[in-house]
Amino acid sequence: MAEKTKFEDIIDELKQKTAGFDASNYLGFLAIQITLKDLKKVFYIEVRDGKLSIEPYEYNDRHANIIMSSANFIKMINGKLNKELAFATGKLKIEGDIGRASELSNLFAKK
């Protein structure tokens, strides 16, 4: 059996943290790609008609792309890195619609 990569561990951790997440009140469509620049890997988080999906693929029709290191992403999802501070200090970059990227963090904040 092949050993999991750090990237797969990150995806698994994020899926565990969002298991049971209720997005039923979000009836629109939101697609945010996450680029982990040090690993040269991407994945996306999509909310469509109240369902949350996290998949290790590029999303061409995304609203925004969040770019950061894997270490800072892990800190952020574990509450050890403030997203606003990360953005202000260049640890987190956003390409595309910043407002739509904020919708994702607002959804997670309601959990």
N, C-alpha and C. Protein backbone atom coordinates (compact mmCIF):
# COMPACT_ATOMS: atom_id res chain seq x y z
N MET A 1 0.84 -1.19 0.00
CA MET A 1 0.00 0.00 0.00
C MET A 1 0.89 1.25 0.00
N ALA A 2 0.59 2.17 -0.88
CA ALA A 2 1.40 3.37 -1.00
C ALA A 2 1.19 4.29 0.21
N GLU A 3 2.26 4.95 0.60
CA GLU A 3 2.19 5.90 1.71
C GLU A 3 1.55 7.20 1.22
N LYS A 4 0.72 7.79 2.06
CA LYS A 4 0.06 9.04 1.69
C LYS A 4 1.07 10.19 1.65
N THR A 5 0.83 11.12 0.73
CA THR A 5 1.67 12.31 0.63
C THR A 5 1.17 13.36 1.61
N LYS A 6 1.98 14.36 1.83
CA LYS A 6 1.58 15.48 2.68
C LYS A 6 0.31 16.13 2.11
N PHE A 7 0.24 16.24 0.79
CA PHE A 7 -0.92 16.83 0.14
C PHE A 7 -2.19 16.03 0.47
N GLU A 8 -2.11 14.72 0.36
CA GLU A 8 -3.27 13.88 0.68
C GLU A 8 -3.66 14.01 2.15
N ASP A 9 -2.66 14.15 3.02
CA ASP A 9 -2.95 14.37 4.45
C ASP A 9 -3.71 15.67 4.67
N ILE A 10 -3.32 16.71 3.94
CA ILE A 10 -3.98 18.01 4.08
C ILE A 10 -5.44 17.91 3.62
N ILE A 11 -5.66 17.26 2.49
CA ILE A 11 -7.03 17.09 1.98
C ILE A 11 -7.86 16.28 2.99
N ASP A 12 -7.28 15.20 3.50
CA ASP A 12 -7.99 14.36 4.48
C ASP A 12 -8.33 15.16 5.74
N GLU A 13 -7.38 15.96 6.23
CA GLU A 13 -7.62 16.76 7.43
C GLU A 13 -8.75 17.77 7.20
N LEU A 14 -8.73 18.41 6.04
CA LEU A 14 -9.77 19.39 5.73
C LEU A 14 -11.14 18.70 5.61
N LYS A 15 -11.18 17.54 4.98
CA LYS A 15 -12.44 16.80 4.86
C LYS A 15 -12.95 16.38 6.24
N GLN A 16 -12.04 15.98 7.13
CA GLN A 16 -12.46 15.61 8.49
C GLN A 16 -13.02 16.82 9.22
N LYS A 17 -12.35 17.97 9.08
CA LYS A 17 -12.80 19.18 9.77
C LYS A 17 -14.16 19.66 9.26
N THR A 18 -14.48 19.35 8.00
CA THR A 18 -15.74 19.82 7.43
C THR A 18 -16.80 18.73 7.37
N ALA A 19 -16.49 17.55 7.88
CA ALA A 19 -17.48 16.47 7.89
C ALA A 19 -18.71 16.92 8.68
N GLY A 20 -19.85 16.71 8.14
CA GLY A 20 -21.08 17.12 8.81
C GLY A 20 -21.39 18.59 8.67
N PHE A 21 -20.58 19.31 7.89
CA PHE A 21 -20.81 20.74 7.68
C PHE A 21 -22.15 20.95 6.99
N ASP A 22 -22.96 21.82 7.53
CA ASP A 22 -24.28 22.08 6.97
C ASP A 22 -24.24 23.34 6.11
N ALA A 23 -24.28 23.15 4.81
CA ALA A 23 -24.31 24.27 3.88
C ALA A 23 -25.69 24.41 3.24
N SER A 24 -26.70 23.81 3.87
CA SER A 24 -28.03 23.78 3.27
C SER A 24 -28.64 25.18 3.10
N ASN A 25 -28.21 26.14 3.89
CA ASN A 25 -28.73 27.51 3.75
C ASN A 25 -28.07 28.26 2.60
N TYR A 26 -26.99 27.71 2.06
CA TYR A 26 -26.30 28.35 0.93
C TYR A 26 -26.79 27.69 -0.34
N LEU A 27 -27.73 28.32 -1.00
CA LEU A 27 -28.35 27.71 -2.17
C LEU A 27 -27.70 28.15 -3.48
N GLY A 28 -26.68 28.97 -3.40
CA GLY A 28 -26.00 29.42 -4.60
C GLY A 28 -24.88 28.49 -4.99
N PHE A 29 -23.92 29.06 -5.69
CA PHE A 29 -22.76 28.32 -6.18
C PHE A 29 -21.50 29.10 -5.83
N LEU A 30 -20.54 28.40 -5.25
CA LEU A 30 -19.26 29.01 -4.88
C LEU A 30 -18.15 28.01 -5.16
N ALA A 31 -17.14 28.42 -5.90
CA ALA A 31 -16.01 27.55 -6.21
C ALA A 31 -14.71 28.30 -5.94
N ILE A 32 -13.95 27.79 -4.98
CA ILE A 32 -12.68 28.41 -4.61
C ILE A 32 -11.58 27.36 -4.76
N GLN A 33 -10.56 27.72 -5.50
CA GLN A 33 -9.41 26.84 -5.64
C GLN A 33 -8.36 27.25 -4.61
N ILE A 34 -7.67 26.27 -4.04
CA ILE A 34 -6.57 26.52 -3.11
C ILE A 34 -5.30 26.01 -3.80
N THR A 35 -4.31 26.87 -3.92
CA THR A 35 -3.02 26.48 -4.49
C THR A 35 -2.00 26.47 -3.36
N LEU A 36 -1.43 25.29 -3.11
CA LEU A 36 -0.37 25.15 -2.10
C LEU A 36 0.95 25.27 -2.85
N LYS A 37 1.50 26.48 -2.81
CA LYS A 37 2.62 26.80 -3.71
C LYS A 37 3.87 25.97 -3.46
N ASP A 38 4.16 25.61 -2.23
CA ASP A 38 5.37 24.83 -1.96
C ASP A 38 5.24 23.39 -2.44
N LEU A 39 4.03 22.87 -2.46
CA LEU A 39 3.80 21.49 -2.92
C LEU A 39 3.48 21.44 -4.42
N LYS A 40 3.22 22.63 -4.99
CA LYS A 40 2.81 22.72 -6.40
C LYS A 40 1.59 21.84 -6.66
N LYS A 41 0.62 21.94 -5.74
CA LYS A 41 -0.61 21.17 -5.82
C LYS A 41 -1.80 22.09 -5.64
N VAL A 42 -2.93 21.69 -6.21
CA VAL A 42 -4.17 22.46 -6.09
C VAL A 42 -5.31 21.54 -5.68
N PHE A 43 -6.31 22.15 -5.05
CA PHE A 43 -7.58 21.47 -4.79
C PHE A 43 -8.65 22.54 -4.75
N TYR A 44 -9.89 22.10 -4.76
CA TYR A 44 -10.96 23.09 -4.71
C TYR A 44 -11.98 22.75 -3.64
N ILE A 45 -12.64 23.82 -3.22
CA ILE A 45 -13.77 23.72 -2.31
C ILE A 45 -14.95 24.32 -3.06
N GLU A 46 -15.99 23.53 -3.18
CA GLU A 46 -17.18 23.97 -3.92
C GLU A 46 -18.40 23.83 -3.02
N VAL A 47 -19.24 24.85 -3.07
CA VAL A 47 -20.55 24.77 -2.43
C VAL A 47 -21.56 25.00 -3.55
N ARG A 48 -22.40 23.99 -3.74
CA ARG A 48 -23.40 24.07 -4.82
C ARG A 48 -24.71 23.51 -4.27
N ASP A 49 -25.73 24.36 -4.29
CA ASP A 49 -27.07 23.95 -3.85
C ASP A 49 -27.05 23.27 -2.48
N GLY A 50 -26.30 23.86 -1.55
CA GLY A 50 -26.30 23.38 -0.18
C GLY A 50 -25.37 22.20 0.11
N LYS A 51 -24.55 21.80 -0.85
CA LYS A 51 -23.63 20.68 -0.64
C LYS A 51 -22.18 21.17 -0.76
N LEU A 52 -21.36 20.74 0.17
CA LEU A 52 -19.95 21.09 0.19
C LEU A 52 -19.13 19.94 -0.39
N SER A 53 -18.21 20.27 -1.29
CA SER A 53 -17.31 19.27 -1.88
C SER A 53 -15.88 19.78 -1.79
N ILE A 54 -14.96 18.88 -1.53
CA ILE A 54 -13.53 19.19 -1.51
C ILE A 54 -12.85 18.12 -2.36
N GLU A 55 -12.19 18.54 -3.43
CA GLU A 55 -11.59 17.58 -4.35
C GLU A 55 -10.20 18.05 -4.78
N PRO A 56 -9.28 17.10 -4.98
CA PRO A 56 -7.90 17.44 -5.33
C PRO A 56 -7.67 17.67 -6.82
N TYR A 57 -8.42 18.62 -7.37
CA TYR A 57 -8.31 18.93 -8.79
C TYR A 57 -8.32 20.44 -9.00
N GLU A 58 -7.88 20.85 -10.18
CA GLU A 58 -7.97 22.26 -10.56
C GLU A 58 -9.42 22.55 -10.95
N TYR A 59 -9.87 23.76 -10.65
CA TYR A 59 -11.24 24.17 -10.96
C TYR A 59 -11.14 25.37 -11.89
N ASN A 60 -11.38 25.16 -13.17
CA ASN A 60 -11.18 26.22 -14.16
C ASN A 60 -12.18 27.36 -14.06
N ASP A 61 -13.42 27.08 -13.67
CA ASP A 61 -14.44 28.12 -13.58
C ASP A 61 -14.62 28.64 -12.16
N ARG A 62 -13.54 28.73 -11.44
CA ARG A 62 -13.57 29.15 -10.04
C ARG A 62 -13.85 30.65 -9.92
N HIS A 63 -14.33 31.01 -8.74
CA HIS A 63 -14.52 32.43 -8.44
C HIS A 63 -13.21 33.08 -7.99
N ALA A 64 -12.39 32.31 -7.29
CA ALA A 64 -11.13 32.85 -6.78
C ALA A 64 -10.14 31.70 -6.57
N ASN A 65 -8.88 32.08 -6.50
CA ASN A 65 -7.80 31.15 -6.21
C ASN A 65 -7.04 31.70 -5.01
N ILE A 66 -6.98 30.91 -3.95
CA ILE A 66 -6.23 31.30 -2.76
C ILE A 66 -4.88 30.61 -2.84
N ILE A 67 -3.82 31.39 -2.73
CA ILE A 67 -2.46 30.86 -2.87
C ILE A 67 -1.72 31.06 -1.56
N MET A 68 -1.17 29.96 -1.04
CA MET A 68 -0.38 30.05 0.18
C MET A 68 0.45 28.78 0.35
N SER A 69 1.34 28.79 1.32
CA SER A 69 2.14 27.59 1.58
C SER A 69 1.29 26.57 2.33
N SER A 70 1.69 25.32 2.24
CA SER A 70 0.94 24.27 2.94
C SER A 70 1.02 24.47 4.45
N ALA A 71 2.17 24.91 4.96
CA ALA A 71 2.31 25.13 6.40
C ALA A 71 1.35 26.21 6.89
N ASN A 72 1.25 27.31 6.14
CA ASN A 72 0.34 28.38 6.55
C ASN A 72 -1.12 27.96 6.38
N PHE A 73 -1.43 27.16 5.37
CA PHE A 73 -2.79 26.67 5.21
C PHE A 73 -3.20 25.81 6.40
N ILE A 74 -2.30 24.92 6.81
CA ILE A 74 -2.57 24.07 7.97
C ILE A 74 -2.79 24.92 9.22
N LYS A 75 -1.93 25.93 9.40
CA LYS A 75 -2.11 26.83 10.55
C LYS A 75 -3.47 27.52 10.49
N MET A 76 -3.86 27.96 9.30
CA MET A 76 -5.11 28.68 9.15
C MET A 76 -6.31 27.78 9.46
N ILE A 77 -6.33 26.55 8.94
CA ILE A 77 -7.50 25.70 9.19
C ILE A 77 -7.54 25.20 10.63
N ASN A 78 -6.40 25.29 11.33
CA ASN A 78 -6.37 24.91 12.74
C ASN A 78 -6.53 26.12 13.66
N GLY A 79 -6.84 27.28 13.09
CA GLY A 79 -7.09 28.47 13.89
C GLY A 79 -5.85 29.13 14.47
N LYS A 80 -4.68 28.81 13.93
CA LYS A 80 -3.43 29.37 14.44
C LYS A 80 -2.87 30.48 13.56
N LEU A 81 -3.59 30.80 12.48
CA LEU A 81 -3.19 31.89 11.60
C LEU A 81 -4.45 32.63 11.18
N ASN A 82 -4.52 33.90 11.51
CA ASN A 82 -5.65 34.74 11.16
C ASN A 82 -5.60 35.05 9.67
N LYS A 83 -6.71 34.81 8.97
CA LYS A 83 -6.73 34.99 7.52
C LYS A 83 -6.49 36.44 7.10
N GLU A 84 -7.02 37.39 7.86
CA GLU A 84 -6.81 38.80 7.52
C GLU A 84 -5.34 39.19 7.69
N LEU A 85 -4.73 38.73 8.77
CA LEU A 85 -3.31 39.01 9.00
C LEU A 85 -2.45 38.32 7.93
N ALA A 86 -2.81 37.08 7.59
CA ALA A 86 -2.07 36.35 6.55
C ALA A 86 -2.15 37.11 5.22
N PHE A 87 -3.33 37.63 4.90
CA PHE A 87 -3.50 38.39 3.66
C PHE A 87 -2.68 39.68 3.71
N ALA A 88 -2.76 40.39 4.82
CA ALA A 88 -2.06 41.67 4.96
C ALA A 88 -0.53 41.52 4.92
N THR A 89 -0.03 40.37 5.37
CA THR A 89 1.42 40.16 5.41
C THR A 89 1.93 39.37 4.20
N GLY A 90 1.03 39.06 3.24
CA GLY A 90 1.45 38.36 2.03
C GLY A 90 1.57 36.86 2.16
N LYS A 91 1.17 36.31 3.30
CA LYS A 91 1.21 34.85 3.46
C LYS A 91 0.07 34.17 2.73
N LEU A 92 -0.95 34.94 2.40
CA LEU A 92 -2.12 34.46 1.67
C LEU A 92 -2.38 35.45 0.54
N LYS A 93 -2.46 34.94 -0.68
CA LYS A 93 -2.77 35.80 -1.82
C LYS A 93 -4.05 35.30 -2.44
N ILE A 94 -4.81 36.22 -3.00
CA ILE A 94 -6.07 35.86 -3.64
C ILE A 94 -6.08 36.40 -5.06
N GLU A 95 -6.31 35.51 -6.01
CA GLU A 95 -6.52 35.89 -7.40
C GLU A 95 -8.01 35.73 -7.67
N GLY A 96 -8.60 36.71 -8.30
CA GLY A 96 -10.03 36.62 -8.61
C GLY A 96 -10.85 37.44 -7.65
N ASP A 97 -12.05 36.99 -7.38
CA ASP A 97 -13.04 37.73 -6.61
C ASP A 97 -12.80 37.56 -5.10
N ILE A 98 -12.23 38.59 -4.49
CA ILE A 98 -11.92 38.55 -3.06
C ILE A 98 -13.20 38.41 -2.23
N GLY A 99 -14.26 39.06 -2.65
CA GLY A 99 -15.54 38.96 -1.94
C GLY A 99 -16.07 37.55 -1.91
N ARG A 100 -15.94 36.84 -3.03
CA ARG A 100 -16.41 35.45 -3.08
C ARG A 100 -15.52 34.55 -2.22
N ALA A 101 -14.21 34.84 -2.20
CA ALA A 101 -13.30 34.07 -1.34
C ALA A 101 -13.69 34.28 0.13
N SER A 102 -14.11 35.48 0.48
CA SER A 102 -14.55 35.77 1.85
C SER A 102 -15.82 35.01 2.20
N GLU A 103 -16.68 34.76 1.21
CA GLU A 103 -17.90 34.00 1.46
C GLU A 103 -17.56 32.61 2.02
N LEU A 104 -16.48 32.04 1.52
CA LEU A 104 -16.07 30.71 1.99
C LEU A 104 -15.73 30.75 3.47
N SER A 105 -14.93 31.73 3.88
CA SER A 105 -14.56 31.81 5.30
C SER A 105 -15.77 32.14 6.15
N ASN A 106 -16.70 32.92 5.62
CA ASN A 106 -17.93 33.22 6.36
C ASN A 106 -18.77 31.98 6.56
N LEU A 107 -18.84 31.12 5.55
CA LEU A 107 -19.57 29.86 5.69
C LEU A 107 -18.97 29.00 6.79
N PHE A 108 -17.63 28.89 6.78
CA PHE A 108 -16.96 28.07 7.78
C PHE A 108 -17.07 28.66 9.18
N ALA A 109 -17.14 29.99 9.25
CA ALA A 109 -17.27 30.65 10.56
C ALA A 109 -18.60 30.32 11.22
N LYS A 110 -19.62 30.02 10.42
CA LYS A 110 -20.95 29.70 10.95
C LYS A 110 -21.04 28.29 11.50
N LYS A 111 -20.04 27.47 11.23
CA LYS A 111 -20.08 26.06 11.68
C LYS A 111 -20.07 25.99 13.18
